[in-house]
PDB file of all heavy atoms in Angstrom:
ATOM      1  N   GLU A   1      63.242 113.036 230.499  1.00  0.00           N
ATOM      2  CA  GLU A   1      63.772 112.678 231.802  1.00  0.00           C
ATOM      3  C   GLU A   1      63.265 111.227 232.188  1.00  0.00           C
ATOM      4  O   GLU A   1      64.022 110.455 232.724  1.00  0.00           O
ATOM      5  CB  GLU A   1      63.280 113.569 232.902  1.00  0.00           C
ATOM      6  CG  GLU A   1      63.696 113.340 234.320  1.00  0.00           C
ATOM      7  CD  GLU A   1      63.146 114.192 235.373  1.00  0.00           C
ATOM      8  OE1 GLU A   1      62.038 114.712 235.118  1.00  0.00           O
ATOM      9  OE2 GLU A   1      63.798 114.389 236.405  1.00  0.00           O
ATOM     10  N   GLU A   2      62.077 110.812 231.840  1.00  0.00           N
ATOM     11  CA  GLU A   2      61.567 109.562 232.025  1.00  0.00           C
ATOM     12  C   GLU A   2      62.443 108.506 231.164  1.00  0.00           C
ATOM     13  O   GLU A   2      62.754 107.428 231.676  1.00  0.00           O
ATOM     14  CB  GLU A   2      60.131 109.338 231.731  1.00  0.00           C
ATOM     15  CG  GLU A   2      59.222 110.096 232.691  1.00  0.00           C
ATOM     16  CD  GLU A   2      57.766 109.979 232.198  1.00  0.00           C
ATOM     17  OE1 GLU A   2      57.462 110.229 230.985  1.00  0.00           O
ATOM     18  OE2 GLU A   2      56.919 109.650 233.050  1.00  0.00           O
ATOM     19  N   LEU A   3      62.742 108.822 229.970  1.00  0.00           N
ATOM     20  CA  LEU A   3      63.616 107.908 229.160  1.00  0.00           C
ATOM     21  C   LEU A   3      65.010 107.739 229.687  1.00  0.00           C
ATOM     22  O   LEU A   3      65.405 106.543 229.685  1.00  0.00           O
ATOM     23  CB  LEU A   3      63.682 108.557 227.740  1.00  0.00           C
ATOM     24  CG  LEU A   3      64.595 107.731 226.783  1.00  0.00           C
ATOM     25  CD1 LEU A   3      64.035 106.287 226.516  1.00  0.00           C
ATOM     26  CD2 LEU A   3      64.663 108.501 225.423  1.00  0.00           C
ATOM     27  N   LYS A   4      65.538 108.801 230.136  1.00  0.00           N
ATOM     28  CA  LYS A   4      66.941 108.594 230.829  1.00  0.00           C
ATOM     29  C   LYS A   4      66.822 107.732 232.043  1.00  0.00           C
ATOM     30  O   LYS A   4      67.751 106.974 232.332  1.00  0.00           O
ATOM     31  CB  LYS A   4      67.463 109.992 231.111  1.00  0.00           C
ATOM     32  CG  LYS A   4      67.800 110.832 229.877  1.00  0.00           C
ATOM     33  CD  LYS A   4      68.437 112.276 230.233  1.00  0.00           C
ATOM     34  CE  LYS A   4      68.710 113.067 229.067  1.00  0.00           C
ATOM     35  NZ  LYS A   4      69.201 114.401 229.412  1.00  0.00           N
ATOM     36  N   ARG A   5      65.877 107.996 232.874  1.00  0.00           N
ATOM     37  CA  ARG A   5      65.738 107.181 234.176  1.00  0.00           C
ATOM     38  C   ARG A   5      65.595 105.839 233.759  1.00  0.00           C
ATOM     39  O   ARG A   5      66.111 104.860 234.437  1.00  0.00           O
ATOM     40  CB  ARG A   5      64.547 107.596 234.801  1.00  0.00           C
ATOM     41  CG  ARG A   5      64.732 108.893 235.765  1.00  0.00           C
ATOM     42  CD  ARG A   5      63.500 109.242 236.461  1.00  0.00           C
ATOM     43  NE  ARG A   5      63.665 110.446 237.360  1.00  0.00           N
ATOM     44  CZ  ARG A   5      62.607 110.873 238.002  1.00  0.00           C
ATOM     45  NH1 ARG A   5      61.353 110.430 237.831  1.00  0.00           N
ATOM     46  NH2 ARG A   5      62.766 111.945 238.827  1.00  0.00           N
ATOM     47  N   LEU A   6      64.713 105.521 232.727  1.00  0.00           N
ATOM     48  CA  LEU A   6      64.460 104.059 232.343  1.00  0.00           C
ATOM     49  C   LEU A   6      65.725 103.421 231.751  1.00  0.00           C
ATOM     50  O   LEU A   6      66.035 102.245 232.117  1.00  0.00           O
ATOM     51  CB  LEU A   6      63.454 104.203 231.261  1.00  0.00           C
ATOM     52  CG  LEU A   6      62.996 102.706 230.666  1.00  0.00           C
ATOM     53  CD1 LEU A   6      62.426 101.764 231.744  1.00  0.00           C
ATOM     54  CD2 LEU A   6      61.949 102.873 229.563  1.00  0.00           C
ATOM     55  N   LEU A   7      66.564 104.191 230.914  1.00  0.00           N
ATOM     56  CA  LEU A   7      67.805 103.586 230.487  1.00  0.00           C
ATOM     57  C   LEU A   7      68.722 103.370 231.549  1.00  0.00           C
ATOM     58  O   LEU A   7      69.404 102.288 231.518  1.00  0.00           O
ATOM     59  CB  LEU A   7      68.351 104.526 229.460  1.00  0.00           C
ATOM     60  CG  LEU A   7      67.644 104.812 228.173  1.00  0.00           C
ATOM     61  CD1 LEU A   7      68.147 105.948 227.307  1.00  0.00           C
ATOM     62  CD2 LEU A   7      67.520 103.476 227.379  1.00  0.00           C
ATOM     63  N   TRP A   8      68.833 104.198 232.472  1.00  0.00           N
ATOM     64  CA  TRP A   8      69.708 104.012 233.649  1.00  0.00           C
ATOM     65  C   TRP A   8      69.335 102.758 234.411  1.00  0.00           C
ATOM     66  O   TRP A   8      70.092 101.924 234.869  1.00  0.00           O
ATOM     67  CB  TRP A   8      69.733 105.288 234.660  1.00  0.00           C
ATOM     68  CG  TRP A   8      70.887 105.023 235.593  1.00  0.00           C
ATOM     69  CD1 TRP A   8      72.131 105.576 235.599  1.00  0.00           C
ATOM     70  CD2 TRP A   8      70.681 104.395 236.914  1.00  0.00           C
ATOM     71  NE1 TRP A   8      72.788 105.239 236.809  1.00  0.00           N
ATOM     72  CE2 TRP A   8      71.935 104.558 237.593  1.00  0.00           C
ATOM     73  CE3 TRP A   8      69.623 103.722 237.486  1.00  0.00           C
ATOM     74  CZ2 TRP A   8      72.176 104.047 238.915  1.00  0.00           C
ATOM     75  CZ3 TRP A   8      69.865 103.272 238.818  1.00  0.00           C
ATOM     76  CH2 TRP A   8      71.153 103.405 239.566  1.00  0.00           C
ATOM     77  N   THR A   9      67.961 102.544 234.652  1.00  0.00           N
ATOM     78  CA  THR A   9      67.450 101.492 235.453  1.00  0.00           C
ATOM     79  C   THR A   9      67.673 100.225 234.705  1.00  0.00           C
ATOM     80  O   THR A   9      67.873  99.241 235.306  1.00  0.00           O
ATOM     81  CB  THR A   9      65.930 101.757 235.689  1.00  0.00           C
ATOM     82  OG1 THR A   9      65.749 102.918 236.399  1.00  0.00           O
ATOM     83  CG2 THR A   9      65.378 100.611 236.567  1.00  0.00           C
ATOM     84  N   LEU A  10      67.417 100.123 233.375  1.00  0.00           N
ATOM     85  CA  LEU A  10      67.539  98.827 232.609  1.00  0.00           C
ATOM     86  C   LEU A  10      69.047  98.398 232.762  1.00  0.00           C
ATOM     87  O   LEU A  10      69.189  97.147 233.074  1.00  0.00           O
ATOM     88  CB  LEU A  10      67.383  99.180 231.115  1.00  0.00           C
ATOM     89  CG  LEU A  10      65.781  99.311 230.744  1.00  0.00           C
ATOM     90  CD1 LEU A  10      65.646  99.971 229.400  1.00  0.00           C
ATOM     91  CD2 LEU A  10      65.172  97.956 230.762  1.00  0.00           C
ATOM     92  N   SER A  11      69.941  99.172 232.513  1.00  0.00           N
ATOM     93  CA  SER A  11      71.402  98.680 232.737  1.00  0.00           C
ATOM     94  C   SER A  11      71.956  98.896 233.889  1.00  0.00           C
ATOM     95  O   SER A  11      73.109  98.379 234.241  1.00  0.00           O
ATOM     96  CB  SER A  11      72.341  99.526 231.601  1.00  0.00           C
ATOM     97  OG  SER A  11      72.356 100.886 231.986  1.00  0.00           O
ATOM     98  N   ILE A  12      71.179  99.492 234.945  1.00  0.00           N
ATOM     99  CA  ILE A  12      71.573  99.837 236.345  1.00  0.00           C
ATOM    100  C   ILE A  12      73.014 100.434 236.322  1.00  0.00           C
ATOM    101  O   ILE A  12      74.030  99.750 236.764  1.00  0.00           O
ATOM    102  CB  ILE A  12      71.514  98.433 237.279  1.00  0.00           C
ATOM    103  CG1 ILE A  12      70.197  97.761 237.054  1.00  0.00           C
ATOM    104  CG2 ILE A  12      71.681  99.000 238.686  1.00  0.00           C
ATOM    105  CD1 ILE A  12      70.088  96.623 238.047  1.00  0.00           C
ATOM    106  N   GLY A  13      73.236 101.593 235.746  1.00  0.00           N
ATOM    107  CA  GLY A  13      74.454 102.231 235.820  1.00  0.00           C
ATOM    108  C   GLY A  13      75.387 102.072 234.642  1.00  0.00           C
ATOM    109  O   GLY A  13      76.491 102.391 234.758  1.00  0.00           O
ATOM    110  N   GLY A  14      74.781 101.497 233.550  1.00  0.00           N
ATOM    111  CA  GLY A  14      75.530 101.374 232.287  1.00  0.00           C
ATOM    112  C   GLY A  14      75.829  99.907 231.894  1.00  0.00           C
ATOM    113  O   GLY A  14      75.810  99.014 232.687  1.00  0.00           O
ATOM    114  N   ASN A  15      76.086  99.807 230.711  1.00  0.00           N
ATOM    115  CA  ASN A  15      76.358  98.504 230.190  1.00  0.00           C
ATOM    116  C   ASN A  15      77.542  97.721 230.675  1.00  0.00           C
ATOM    117  O   ASN A  15      77.548  96.546 230.786  1.00  0.00           O
ATOM    118  CB  ASN A  15      76.552  98.465 228.498  1.00  0.00           C
ATOM    119  CG  ASN A  15      75.186  98.807 227.821  1.00  0.00           C
ATOM    120  OD1 ASN A  15      74.182  98.898 228.452  1.00  0.00           O
ATOM    121  ND2 ASN A  15      75.366  99.211 226.525  1.00  0.00           N
ATOM    122  N   GLU A  16      78.477  98.483 231.095  1.00  0.00           N
ATOM    123  CA  GLU A  16      79.682  97.900 231.690  1.00  0.00           C
ATOM    124  C   GLU A  16      79.774  97.735 233.190  1.00  0.00           C
ATOM    125  O   GLU A  16      80.719  97.239 233.761  1.00  0.00           O
ATOM    126  CB  GLU A  16      80.961  98.685 231.163  1.00  0.00           C
ATOM    127  CG  GLU A  16      81.096  98.866 229.715  1.00  0.00           C
ATOM    128  CD  GLU A  16      80.935  97.577 228.912  1.00  0.00           C
ATOM    129  OE1 GLU A  16      81.619  96.535 229.401  1.00  0.00           O
ATOM    130  OE2 GLU A  16      80.267  97.596 227.962  1.00  0.00           O
ATOM    131  N   SER A  17      78.617  98.159 233.751  1.00  0.00           N
ATOM    132  CA  SER A  17      78.501  97.994 235.186  1.00  0.00           C
ATOM    133  C   SER A  17      78.379  96.475 235.588  1.00  0.00           C
ATOM    134  O   SER A  17      77.959  95.688 234.752  1.00  0.00           O
ATOM    135  CB  SER A  17      77.373  98.836 235.819  1.00  0.00           C
ATOM    136  OG  SER A  17      76.143  98.184 235.629  1.00  0.00           O
ATOM    137  N   SER A  18      78.636  96.192 236.886  1.00  0.00           N
ATOM    138  CA  SER A  18      78.362  94.828 237.368  1.00  0.00           C
ATOM    139  C   SER A  18      77.088  94.616 238.064  1.00  0.00           C
ATOM    140  O   SER A  18      76.866  93.653 238.623  1.00  0.00           O
ATOM    141  CB  SER A  18      79.495  94.567 238.424  1.00  0.00           C
ATOM    142  OG  SER A  18      79.468  95.399 239.522  1.00  0.00           O
ATOM    143  N   HIS A  19      76.134  95.415 237.847  1.00  0.00           N
ATOM    144  CA  HIS A  19      74.834  95.306 238.359  1.00  0.00           C
ATOM    145  C   HIS A  19      73.792  94.629 237.505  1.00  0.00           C
ATOM    146  O   HIS A  19      73.765  94.827 236.269  1.00  0.00           O
ATOM    147  CB  HIS A  19      74.235  96.824 238.703  1.00  0.00           C
ATOM    148  CG  HIS A  19      75.151  97.620 239.638  1.00  0.00           C
ATOM    149  ND1 HIS A  19      75.164  97.435 240.957  1.00  0.00           N
ATOM    150  CD2 HIS A  19      76.115  98.545 239.315  1.00  0.00           C
ATOM    151  CE1 HIS A  19      76.090  98.204 241.524  1.00  0.00           C
ATOM    152  NE2 HIS A  19      76.692  98.910 240.541  1.00  0.00           N
ATOM    153  N   CYS A  20      73.027  93.748 238.146  1.00  0.00           N
ATOM    154  CA  CYS A  20      72.178  92.826 237.537  1.00  0.00           C
ATOM    155  C   CYS A  20      70.742  92.771 238.074  1.00  0.00           C
ATOM    156  O   CYS A  20      70.517  93.131 239.213  1.00  0.00           O
ATOM    157  CB  CYS A  20      72.670  91.445 237.447  1.00  0.00           C
ATOM    158  SG  CYS A  20      74.370  91.236 236.630  1.00  0.00           S
ATOM    159  N   HIS A  21      69.771  92.354 237.236  1.00  0.00           N
ATOM    160  CA  HIS A  21      68.486  92.150 237.740  1.00  0.00           C
ATOM    161  C   HIS A  21      68.301  90.713 238.103  1.00  0.00           C
ATOM    162  O   HIS A  21      69.187  89.798 237.820  1.00  0.00           O
ATOM    163  CB  HIS A  21      67.499  92.494 236.601  1.00  0.00           C
ATOM    164  CG  HIS A  21      67.471  93.934 236.221  1.00  0.00           C
ATOM    165  ND1 HIS A  21      66.626  94.864 236.877  1.00  0.00           N
ATOM    166  CD2 HIS A  21      68.026  94.641 235.156  1.00  0.00           C
ATOM    167  CE1 HIS A  21      66.918  96.138 236.371  1.00  0.00           C
ATOM    168  NE2 HIS A  21      67.739  96.085 235.246  1.00  0.00           N
ATOM    169  N   LYS A  22      67.060  90.409 238.567  1.00  0.00           N
ATOM    170  CA  LYS A  22      66.767  89.029 239.064  1.00  0.00           C
ATOM    171  C   LYS A  22      65.372  88.642 238.315  1.00  0.00           C
ATOM    172  O   LYS A  22      64.487  89.426 238.499  1.00  0.00           O
ATOM    173  CB  LYS A  22      66.743  88.725 240.568  1.00  0.00           C
ATOM    174  CG  LYS A  22      68.098  88.512 241.105  1.00  0.00           C
ATOM    175  CD  LYS A  22      68.149  87.017 241.626  1.00  0.00           C
ATOM    176  CE  LYS A  22      69.383  86.825 242.515  1.00  0.00           C
ATOM    177  NZ  LYS A  22      69.453  85.441 242.833  1.00  0.00           N
ATOM    178  N   ILE A  23      65.252  87.519 237.703  1.00  0.00           N
ATOM    179  CA  ILE A  23      64.034  87.090 237.225  1.00  0.00           C
ATOM    180  C   ILE A  23      63.670  85.625 237.443  1.00  0.00           C
ATOM    181  O   ILE A  23      64.546  84.783 237.827  1.00  0.00           O
ATOM    182  CB  ILE A  23      63.894  87.305 235.711  1.00  0.00           C
ATOM    183  CG1 ILE A  23      64.976  86.435 234.944  1.00  0.00           C
ATOM    184  CG2 ILE A  23      64.045  88.776 235.282  1.00  0.00           C
ATOM    185  CD1 ILE A  23      64.868  86.448 233.383  1.00  0.00           C
ATOM    186  N   GLY A  24      62.543  85.139 237.317  1.00  0.00           N
ATOM    187  CA  GLY A  24      62.091  83.756 237.412  1.00  0.00           C
ATOM    188  C   GLY A  24      62.103  83.081 238.780  1.00  0.00           C
ATOM    189  O   GLY A  24      62.114  83.886 239.837  1.00  0.00           O
ATOM    190  N   MET A  25      61.969  81.830 238.891  1.00  0.00           N
ATOM    191  CA  MET A  25      61.929  81.068 240.113  1.00  0.00           C
ATOM    192  C   MET A  25      63.433  80.805 240.621  1.00  0.00           C
ATOM    193  O   MET A  25      64.411  80.932 239.842  1.00  0.00           O
ATOM    194  CB  MET A  25      61.418  79.684 239.832  1.00  0.00           C
ATOM    195  CG  MET A  25      59.902  79.682 239.635  1.00  0.00           C
ATOM    196  SD  MET A  25      59.242  77.961 239.344  1.00  0.00           S
ATOM    197  CE  MET A  25      59.880  76.975 240.731  1.00  0.00           C
ATOM    198  N   GLY A  26      63.445  80.590 241.937  1.00  0.00           N
ATOM    199  CA  GLY A  26      64.624  80.184 242.565  1.00  0.00           C
ATOM    200  C   GLY A  26      65.580  81.262 242.921  1.00  0.00           C
ATOM    201  O   GLY A  26      66.728  80.958 243.112  1.00  0.00           O
ATOM    202  N   LYS A  27      65.159  82.461 243.017  1.00  0.00           N
ATOM    203  CA  LYS A  27      65.985  83.611 243.356  1.00  0.00           C
ATOM    204  C   LYS A  27      66.705  83.376 244.607  1.00  0.00           C
ATOM    205  O   LYS A  27      67.849  83.764 244.828  1.00  0.00           O
ATOM    206  CB  LYS A  27      65.115  84.979 243.471  1.00  0.00           C
ATOM    207  CG  LYS A  27      64.639  85.253 242.125  1.00  0.00           C
ATOM    208  CD  LYS A  27      63.759  86.701 242.374  1.00  0.00           C
ATOM    209  CE  LYS A  27      62.946  87.024 241.096  1.00  0.00           C
ATOM    210  NZ  LYS A  27      61.732  86.181 240.945  1.00  0.00           N
ATOM    211  N   PRO A  28      66.090  82.776 245.773  1.00  0.00           N
ATOM    212  CA  PRO A  28      66.742  82.647 247.035  1.00  0.00           C
ATOM    213  C   PRO A  28      67.971  81.704 247.029  1.00  0.00           C
ATOM    214  O   PRO A  28      68.792  81.854 247.791  1.00  0.00           O
ATOM    215  CB  PRO A  28      65.659  82.114 248.007  1.00  0.00           C
ATOM    216  CG  PRO A  28      64.338  82.562 247.334  1.00  0.00           C
ATOM    217  CD  PRO A  28      64.623  82.430 245.855  1.00  0.00           C
ATOM    218  N   ILE A  29      67.921  80.761 246.014  1.00  0.00           N
ATOM    219  CA  ILE A  29      68.967  79.820 245.973  1.00  0.00           C
ATOM    220  C   ILE A  29      69.998  80.153 244.896  1.00  0.00           C
ATOM    221  O   ILE A  29      70.830  79.190 244.579  1.00  0.00           O
ATOM    222  CB  ILE A  29      68.380  78.323 245.875  1.00  0.00           C
ATOM    223  CG1 ILE A  29      67.654  78.194 244.464  1.00  0.00           C
ATOM    224  CG2 ILE A  29      67.481  77.948 247.007  1.00  0.00           C
ATOM    225  CD1 ILE A  29      67.253  76.781 244.199  1.00  0.00           C
ATOM    226  N   GLY A  30      69.946  81.276 244.321  1.00  0.00           N
ATOM    227  CA  GLY A  30      71.026  81.732 243.403  1.00  0.00           C
ATOM    228  C   GLY A  30      70.506  81.726 241.935  1.00  0.00           C
ATOM    229  O   GLY A  30      71.427  82.064 241.104  1.00  0.00           O
ATOM    230  N   LEU A  31      69.308  81.440 241.636  1.00  0.00           N
ATOM    231  CA  LEU A  31      68.949  81.460 240.233  1.00  0.00           C
ATOM    232  C   LEU A  31      68.505  82.892 239.784  1.00  0.00           C
ATOM    233  O   LEU A  31      68.221  83.707 240.664  1.00  0.00           O
ATOM    234  CB  LEU A  31      67.917  80.455 239.926  1.00  0.00           C
ATOM    235  CG  LEU A  31      68.158  79.091 240.240  1.00  0.00           C
ATOM    236  CD1 LEU A  31      66.901  78.196 239.947  1.00  0.00           C
ATOM    237  CD2 LEU A  31      69.330  78.360 239.677  1.00  0.00           C
ATOM    238  N   GLY A  32      68.512  83.040 238.431  1.00  0.00           N
ATOM    239  CA  GLY A  32      67.724  84.262 237.949  1.00  0.00           C
ATOM    240  C   GLY A  32      68.457  85.496 237.772  1.00  0.00           C
ATOM    241  O   GLY A  32      67.955  86.566 237.402  1.00  0.00           O
ATOM    242  N   SER A  33      69.828  85.554 237.860  1.00  0.00           N
ATOM    243  CA  SER A  33      70.620  86.825 237.703  1.00  0.00           C
ATOM    244  C   SER A  33      70.854  86.989 236.170  1.00  0.00           C
ATOM    245  O   SER A  33      71.392  86.171 235.546  1.00  0.00           O
ATOM    246  CB  SER A  33      71.900  86.632 238.500  1.00  0.00           C
ATOM    247  OG  SER A  33      71.766  86.611 239.879  1.00  0.00           O
ATOM    248  N   ILE A  34      70.541  88.249 235.753  1.00  0.00           N
ATOM    249  CA  ILE A  34      70.713  88.591 234.233  1.00  0.00           C
ATOM    250  C   ILE A  34      71.229  89.908 234.130  1.00  0.00           C
ATOM    251  O   ILE A  34      70.956  90.858 235.097  1.00  0.00           O
ATOM    252  CB  ILE A  34      69.286  88.570 233.593  1.00  0.00           C
ATOM    253  CG1 ILE A  34      68.329  89.579 234.107  1.00  0.00           C
ATOM    254  CG2 ILE A  34      68.720  87.151 233.464  1.00  0.00           C
ATOM    255  CD1 ILE A  34      67.095  89.710 233.274  1.00  0.00           C
ATOM    256  N   LYS A  35      71.977  90.243 233.210  1.00  0.00           N
ATOM    257  CA  LYS A  35      72.520  91.537 232.906  1.00  0.00           C
ATOM    258  C   LYS A  35      71.833  92.106 231.623  1.00  0.00           C
ATOM    259  O   LYS A  35      71.860  91.498 230.545  1.00  0.00           O
ATOM    260  CB  LYS A  35      74.001  91.576 232.652  1.00  0.00           C
ATOM    261  CG  LYS A  35      74.649  92.890 232.216  1.00  0.00           C
ATOM    262  CD  LYS A  35      74.442  93.941 233.274  1.00  0.00           C
ATOM    263  CE  LYS A  35      75.022  95.329 232.841  1.00  0.00           C
ATOM    264  NZ  LYS A  35      74.711  96.341 233.869  1.00  0.00           N
ATOM    265  N   ILE A  36      71.081  93.235 231.706  1.00  0.00           N
ATOM    266  CA  ILE A  36      70.530  93.921 230.734  1.00  0.00           C
ATOM    267  C   ILE A  36      71.413  95.033 230.045  1.00  0.00           C
ATOM    268  O   ILE A  36      72.002  95.851 230.898  1.00  0.00           O
ATOM    269  CB  ILE A  36      69.241  94.540 231.014  1.00  0.00           C
ATOM    270  CG1 ILE A  36      68.221  93.325 231.424  1.00  0.00           C
ATOM    271  CG2 ILE A  36      68.520  95.306 229.854  1.00  0.00           C
ATOM    272  CD1 ILE A  36      66.834  93.860 231.961  1.00  0.00           C
ATOM    273  N   LYS A  37      71.603  94.997 228.861  1.00  0.00           N
ATOM    274  CA  LYS A  37      72.453  96.123 228.149  1.00  0.00           C
ATOM    275  C   LYS A  37      71.606  96.788 227.158  1.00  0.00           C
ATOM    276  O   LYS A  37      70.695  96.140 226.491  1.00  0.00           O
ATOM    277  CB  LYS A  37      73.570  95.519 227.460  1.00  0.00           C
ATOM    278  CG  LYS A  37      74.637  94.923 228.551  1.00  0.00           C
ATOM    279  CD  LYS A  37      75.891  94.350 227.796  1.00  0.00           C
ATOM    280  CE  LYS A  37      76.960  93.951 228.808  1.00  0.00           C
ATOM    281  NZ  LYS A  37      78.230  93.471 228.079  1.00  0.00           N
ATOM    282  N   ILE A  38      71.813  98.061 226.953  1.00  0.00           N
ATOM    283  CA  ILE A  38      71.213  98.950 225.948  1.00  0.00           C
ATOM    284  C   ILE A  38      72.004  98.838 224.577  1.00  0.00           C
ATOM    285  O   ILE A  38      73.182  99.258 224.647  1.00  0.00           O
ATOM    286  CB  ILE A  38      71.087 100.376 226.419  1.00  0.00           C
ATOM    287  CG1 ILE A  38      70.481 100.420 227.870  1.00  0.00           C
ATOM    288  CG2 ILE A  38      70.187 101.094 225.418  1.00  0.00           C
ATOM    289  CD1 ILE A  38      69.158  99.930 227.980  1.00  0.00           C
ATOM    290  N   ASP A  39      71.440  98.235 223.573  1.00  0.00           N
ATOM    291  CA  ASP A  39      72.143  98.202 222.335  1.00  0.00           C
ATOM    292  C   ASP A  39      72.052  99.524 221.535  1.00  0.00           C
ATOM    293  O   ASP A  39      73.020  99.941 220.968  1.00  0.00           O
ATOM    294  CB  ASP A  39      71.606  96.986 221.575  1.00  0.00           C
ATOM    295  CG  ASP A  39      71.978  95.714 222.218  1.00  0.00           C
ATOM    296  OD1 ASP A  39      72.972  95.574 222.931  1.00  0.00           O
ATOM    297  OD2 ASP A  39      71.149  94.834 221.971  1.00  0.00           O
ATOM    298  N   ARG A  40      70.722  99.980 221.439  1.00  0.00           N
ATOM    299  CA  ARG A  40      70.644 101.366 220.825  1.00  0.00           C
ATOM    300  C   ARG A  40      69.180 101.795 221.219  1.00  0.00           C
ATOM    301  O   ARG A  40      68.347 101.120 221.506  1.00  0.00           O
ATOM    302  CB  ARG A  40      70.851 101.304 219.335  1.00  0.00           C
ATOM    303  CG  ARG A  40      69.789 100.602 218.500  1.00  0.00           C
ATOM    304  CD  ARG A  40      70.186 100.511 216.985  1.00  0.00           C
ATOM    305  NE  ARG A  40      69.127 100.100 216.233  1.00  0.00           N
ATOM    306  CZ  ARG A  40      68.795  98.715 215.960  1.00  0.00           C
ATOM    307  NH1 ARG A  40      69.529  97.752 216.525  1.00  0.00           N
ATOM    308  NH2 ARG A  40      67.747  98.465 215.244  1.00  0.00           N
ATOM    309  N   VAL A  41      69.077 103.261 220.920  1.00  0.00           N
ATOM    310  CA  VAL A  41      67.794 103.838 221.140  1.00  0.00           C
ATOM    311  C   VAL A  41      67.385 104.688 219.906  1.00  0.00           C
ATOM    312  O   VAL A  41      68.253 105.384 219.368  1.00  0.00           O
ATOM    313  CB  VAL A  41      67.852 104.869 222.385  1.00  0.00           C
ATOM    314  CG1 VAL A  41      66.555 105.470 222.663  1.00  0.00           C
ATOM    315  CG2 VAL A  41      68.285 104.083 223.652  1.00  0.00           C
ATOM    316  N   THR A  42      66.257 104.445 219.375  1.00  0.00           N
ATOM    317  CA  THR A  42      65.730 105.204 218.301  1.00  0.00           C
ATOM    318  C   THR A  42      64.503 106.037 218.668  1.00  0.00           C
ATOM    319  O   THR A  42      63.523 105.510 219.328  1.00  0.00           O
ATOM    320  CB  THR A  42      65.414 104.317 217.081  1.00  0.00           C
ATOM    321  OG1 THR A  42      64.432 103.301 217.502  1.00  0.00           O
ATOM    322  CG2 THR A  42      66.704 103.481 216.608  1.00  0.00           C
ATOM    323  N   ILE A  43      64.432 107.260 218.158  1.00  0.00           N
ATOM    324  CA  ILE A  43      63.325 108.137 218.457  1.00  0.00           C
ATOM    325  C   ILE A  43      62.591 108.259 217.192  1.00  0.00           C
ATOM    326  O   ILE A  43      63.112 108.472 216.059  1.00  0.00           O
ATOM    327  CB  ILE A  43      63.836 109.527 218.942  1.00  0.00           C
ATOM    328  CG1 ILE A  43      64.776 109.461 220.118  1.00  0.00           C
ATOM    329  CG2 ILE A  43      62.573 110.402 219.238  1.00  0.00           C
ATOM    330  CD1 ILE A  43      64.014 108.858 221.359  1.00  0.00           C
ATOM    331  N   ARG A  44      61.249 108.000 217.130  1.00  0.00           N
ATOM    332  CA  ARG A  44      60.411 108.181 216.037  1.00  0.00           C
ATOM    333  C   ARG A  44      59.752 109.554 215.963  1.00  0.00           C
ATOM    334  O   ARG A  44      59.182 109.912 216.985  1.00  0.00           O
ATOM    335  CB  ARG A  44      59.314 107.143 216.053  1.00  0.00           C
ATOM    336  CG  ARG A  44      58.481 107.067 214.818  1.00  0.00           C
ATOM    337  CD  ARG A  44      57.377 106.141 214.878  1.00  0.00           C
ATOM    338  NE  ARG A  44      56.371 106.680 215.771  1.00  0.00           N
ATOM    339  CZ  ARG A  44      55.313 105.966 216.096  1.00  0.00           C
ATOM    340  NH1 ARG A  44      55.127 104.696 215.742  1.00  0.00           N
ATOM    341  NH2 ARG A  44      54.347 106.424 217.047  1.00  0.00           N
TER     342      ARG A  44
END
């Protein structure tokens, strides 16, 4: 359950969704938008 929640949060609703995170300086003036995608998950 934790893994699934984490995967959903990373891509915020899937790789093809329009939802993005914000990082770094200058967030208020429009900097820092990034899209995270999950390429693959491996279980050891």
